C-alpha atoms as a PDB file:
ATOM      1  CA  MET A   1      20.387  -7.669  -0.309  1.00  0.00           C
ATOM      2  CA  ASN A   2      21.668 -10.481   1.961  1.00  0.00           C
ATOM      3  CA  PRO A   3      20.885 -13.714   0.360  1.00  0.00           C
ATOM      4  CA  GLU A   4      19.117 -14.919   3.211  1.00  0.00           C
ATOM      5  CA  GLN A   5      17.038 -11.929   3.828  1.00  0.00           C
ATOM      6  CA  LYS A   6      13.464 -12.037   2.477  1.00  0.00           C
ATOM      7  CA  PRO A   7      12.390  -9.516  -0.078  1.00  0.00           C
ATOM      8  CA  GLY A   8      11.045  -6.781   1.732  1.00  0.00           C
ATOM      9  CA  GLU A   9      12.635  -7.261   5.030  1.00  0.00           C
ATOM     10  CA  GLY A  10      14.660  -4.769   6.748  1.00  0.00           C
ATOM     11  CA  LEU A  11      12.524  -2.387   4.957  1.00  0.00           C
ATOM     12  CA  ARG A  12      10.544   0.639   7.121  1.00  0.00           C
ATOM     13  CA  ILE A  13       6.870   0.593   6.768  1.00  0.00           C
ATOM     14  CA  ARG A  14       4.395   3.045   8.834  1.00  0.00           C
ATOM     15  CA  ASN A  15       0.838   3.964   8.821  1.00  0.00           C
ATOM     16  CA  MET A  16      -0.329   6.627   7.103  1.00  0.00           C
ATOM     17  CA  VAL A  17      -0.898  10.087   9.156  1.00  0.00           C
ATOM     18  CA  PRO A  18      -4.586  11.411   8.273  1.00  0.00           C
ATOM     19  CA  GLY A  19      -4.455  14.509   5.195  1.00  0.00           C
ATOM     20  CA  GLU A  20      -0.682  13.773   4.067  1.00  0.00           C
ATOM     21  CA  HIS A  21      -0.646  15.573   1.331  1.00  0.00           C
ATOM     22  CA  GLU A  22       2.549  14.330  -0.465  1.00  0.00           C
ATOM     23  CA  ILE A  23       0.463  10.982  -1.059  1.00  0.00           C
ATOM     24  CA  SER A  24      -1.943  12.719  -3.644  1.00  0.00           C
ATOM     25  CA  GLU A  25       1.242  13.675  -5.374  1.00  0.00           C
ATOM     26  CA  TYR A  26       2.939  10.574  -5.316  1.00  0.00           C
ATOM     27  CA  ASP A  27      -0.184   8.995  -6.117  1.00  0.00           C
ATOM     28  CA  SER A  28      -0.519  10.753  -9.558  1.00  0.00           C
ATOM     29  CA  LEU A  29       2.949   9.543 -10.681  1.00  0.00           C
ATOM     30  CA  HIS A  30       1.396   6.167 -10.808  1.00  0.00           C
ATOM     31  CA  PHE A  31      -1.985   6.738 -11.551  1.00  0.00           C
ATOM     32  CA  PRO A  32      -3.542   8.369 -14.540  1.00  0.00           C
ATOM     33  CA  ALA A  33      -5.758  11.164 -12.986  1.00  0.00           C
ATOM     34  CA  HIS A  34      -5.175  13.475  -9.730  1.00  0.00           C
ATOM     35  CA  ARG A  35      -7.596  12.411  -7.174  1.00  0.00           C
ATOM     36  CA  PRO A  36      -7.045  13.895  -3.705  1.00  0.00           C
ATOM     37  CA  GLU A  37     -10.324  13.925  -2.591  1.00  0.00           C
ATOM     38  CA  PHE A  38     -10.847  10.361  -3.553  1.00  0.00           C
ATOM     39  CA  LEU A  39      -7.666   9.499  -1.864  1.00  0.00           C
ATOM     40  CA  GLN A  40      -8.153  11.148   1.132  1.00  0.00           C
ATOM     41  CA  ARG A  41     -11.638   9.537   1.566  1.00  0.00           C
ATOM     42  CA  TRP A  42     -10.137   6.201   0.471  1.00  0.00           C
ATOM     43  CA  LEU A  43      -7.272   6.360   3.019  1.00  0.00           C
ATOM     44  CA  GLU A  44      -9.400   7.060   5.975  1.00  0.00           C
ATOM     45  CA  GLN A  45     -11.992   4.622   5.746  1.00  0.00           C
ATOM     46  CA  GLU A  46     -13.245   2.276   8.592  1.00  0.00           C
ATOM     47  CA  ASP A  47     -11.695  -1.285   8.568  1.00  0.00           C
ATOM     48  CA  SER A  48      -8.830  -0.194   6.527  1.00  0.00           C
ATOM     49  CA  THR A  49      -5.061   0.079   6.598  1.00  0.00           C
ATOM     50  CA  ALA A  50      -2.879   2.446   5.135  1.00  0.00           C
ATOM     51  CA  LEU A  51       1.007   2.105   4.783  1.00  0.00           C
ATOM     52  CA  ILE A  52       3.668   4.067   3.474  1.00  0.00           C
ATOM     53  CA  ALA A  53       7.458   2.922   3.036  1.00  0.00           C
ATOM     54  CA  PRO A  54       9.558   6.106   2.905  1.00  0.00           C
ATOM     55  CA  ASP A  55      12.311   6.432   0.319  1.00  0.00           C
ATOM     56  CA  GLN A  56      16.036   7.114   1.256  1.00  0.00           C
ATOM     57  CA  SER A  57      15.215  10.782   1.728  1.00  0.00           C
ATOM     58  CA  GLY A  58      11.965  10.260   3.730  1.00  0.00           C
ATOM     59  CA  GLY A  59       9.436  11.010   1.156  1.00  0.00           C
ATOM     60  CA  ILE A  60       7.165   8.558  -0.150  1.00  0.00           C
ATOM     61  CA  GLY A  61       8.928   5.691  -1.818  1.00  0.00           C
ATOM     62  CA  GLY A  62       5.296   3.516  -1.911  1.00  0.00           C
ATOM     63  CA  TYR A  63       2.036   3.108  -0.303  1.00  0.00           C
ATOM     64  CA  GLY A  64      -0.467   0.705   0.039  1.00  0.00           C
ATOM     65  CA  VAL A  65      -4.174   0.362   1.421  1.00  0.00           C
ATOM     66  CA  ILE A  66      -6.192  -3.061   2.684  1.00  0.00           C
ATOM     67  CA  ARG A  67     -10.009  -2.951   3.476  1.00  0.00           C
ATOM     68  CA  LYS A  68     -12.098  -5.364   4.780  1.00  0.00           C
ATOM     69  CA  CYS A  69     -14.989  -6.378   2.440  1.00  0.00           C
ATOM     70  CA  PHE A  70     -18.106  -8.528   2.297  1.00  0.00           C
ATOM     71  CA  SER A  71     -16.244 -11.300   2.172  1.00  0.00           C
ATOM     72  CA  GLY A  72     -12.640 -10.992   3.285  1.00  0.00           C
ATOM     73  CA  HIS A  73     -10.392  -8.047   2.200  1.00  0.00           C
ATOM     74  CA  LYS A  74      -9.145  -6.547  -0.691  1.00  0.00           C
ATOM     75  CA  THR A  75      -5.689  -4.510  -1.362  1.00  0.00           C
ATOM     76  CA  GLY A  76      -5.154  -1.435  -3.673  1.00  0.00           C
ATOM     77  CA  PRO A  77      -4.090   0.919  -4.610  1.00  0.00           C
ATOM     78  CA  LEU A  78      -0.345  -0.605  -4.039  1.00  0.00           C
ATOM     79  CA  PHE A  79       2.112   1.597  -5.927  1.00  0.00           C
ATOM     80  CA  ALA A  80       5.942   1.534  -4.610  1.00  0.00           C
ATOM     81  CA  ASP A  81       9.327   2.525  -6.333  1.00  0.00           C
ATOM     82  CA  SER A  82      10.836  -0.639  -6.260  1.00  0.00           C
ATOM     83  CA  SER A  83       9.318  -4.483  -5.511  1.00  0.00           C
ATOM     84  CA  GLU A  84      11.239  -4.526  -2.214  1.00  0.00           C
ATOM     85  CA  ARG A  85       8.957  -1.771  -0.986  1.00  0.00           C
ATOM     86  CA  ALA A  86       6.100  -3.000  -3.098  1.00  0.00           C
ATOM     87  CA  GLU A  87       6.858  -6.521  -0.989  1.00  0.00           C
ATOM     88  CA  SER A  88       7.314  -5.056   2.475  1.00  0.00           C
ATOM     89  CA  ILE A  89       3.882  -2.818   2.219  1.00  0.00           C
ATOM     90  CA  PHE A  90       1.984  -5.876   0.975  1.00  0.00           C
ATOM     91  CA  GLN A  91       3.718  -7.937   3.832  1.00  0.00           C
ATOM     92  CA  GLY A  92       2.774  -5.423   6.231  1.00  0.00           C
ATOM     93  CA  LEU A  93      -1.048  -5.119   5.102  1.00  0.00           C
ATOM     94  CA  ILE A  94      -1.541  -8.646   5.131  1.00  0.00           C
ATOM     95  CA  SER A  95       0.218  -9.510   8.520  1.00  0.00           C
ATOM     96  CA  GLY A  96      -3.173  -9.583  10.575  1.00  0.00           C
ATOM     97  CA  MET A  97      -5.470 -10.932   8.085  1.00  0.00           C
ATOM     98  CA  ARG A  98      -4.633 -14.677   8.550  1.00  0.00           C
ATOM     99  CA  GLY A  99      -7.303 -17.114   7.640  1.00  0.00           C
ATOM    100  CA  SER A 100      -9.259 -14.551   5.486  1.00  0.00           C
ATOM    101  CA  VAL A 101      -9.830 -14.123   1.946  1.00  0.00           C
ATOM    102  CA  LEU A 102      -7.632 -11.645   0.053  1.00  0.00           C
ATOM    103  CA  ILE A 103      -8.546 -10.204  -2.937  1.00  0.00           C
ATOM    104  CA  PHE A 104      -5.620  -8.670  -4.907  1.00  0.00           C
ATOM    105  CA  ARG A 105      -6.043  -6.835  -8.375  1.00  0.00           C
ATOM    106  CA  ASN A 106      -2.758  -5.752 -10.212  1.00  0.00           C
ATOM    107  CA  GLN A 107      -2.963  -2.920 -12.825  1.00  0.00           C
ATOM    108  CA  THR A 108      -4.310  -5.288 -15.506  1.00  0.00           C
ATOM    109  CA  GLY A 109      -7.458  -6.077 -13.496  1.00  0.00           C
ATOM    110  CA  LYS A 110      -6.345  -9.780 -12.610  1.00  0.00           C
ATOM    111  CA  ARG A 111      -7.699 -11.611 -10.150  1.00  0.00           C
ATOM    112  CA  PHE A 112      -4.807 -13.086  -7.695  1.00  0.00           C
END
């Protein structure tokens, strides 16, 4: 990485396409239960954005979701193969949130 380059900068992210089946397989690598029906509904919620960071071969290298809630926005899930991809996804998710409260839970359930 270029020393002047910010984490995640230069990585591609894209909006998720509804019904994208590979996401369920990728999610199963990071979450202990297979949950395709839940994911389909979760990723297509109103007032939400789901982003994917493709890997070098064009497959899924990470994904994340942000959704509006009663007070501000919540992120999750957010899984990635590298910290750079995670940062890129996270920055893409929060890019339109100026002045809003963000609730982020990591895998330990801690709030930030």
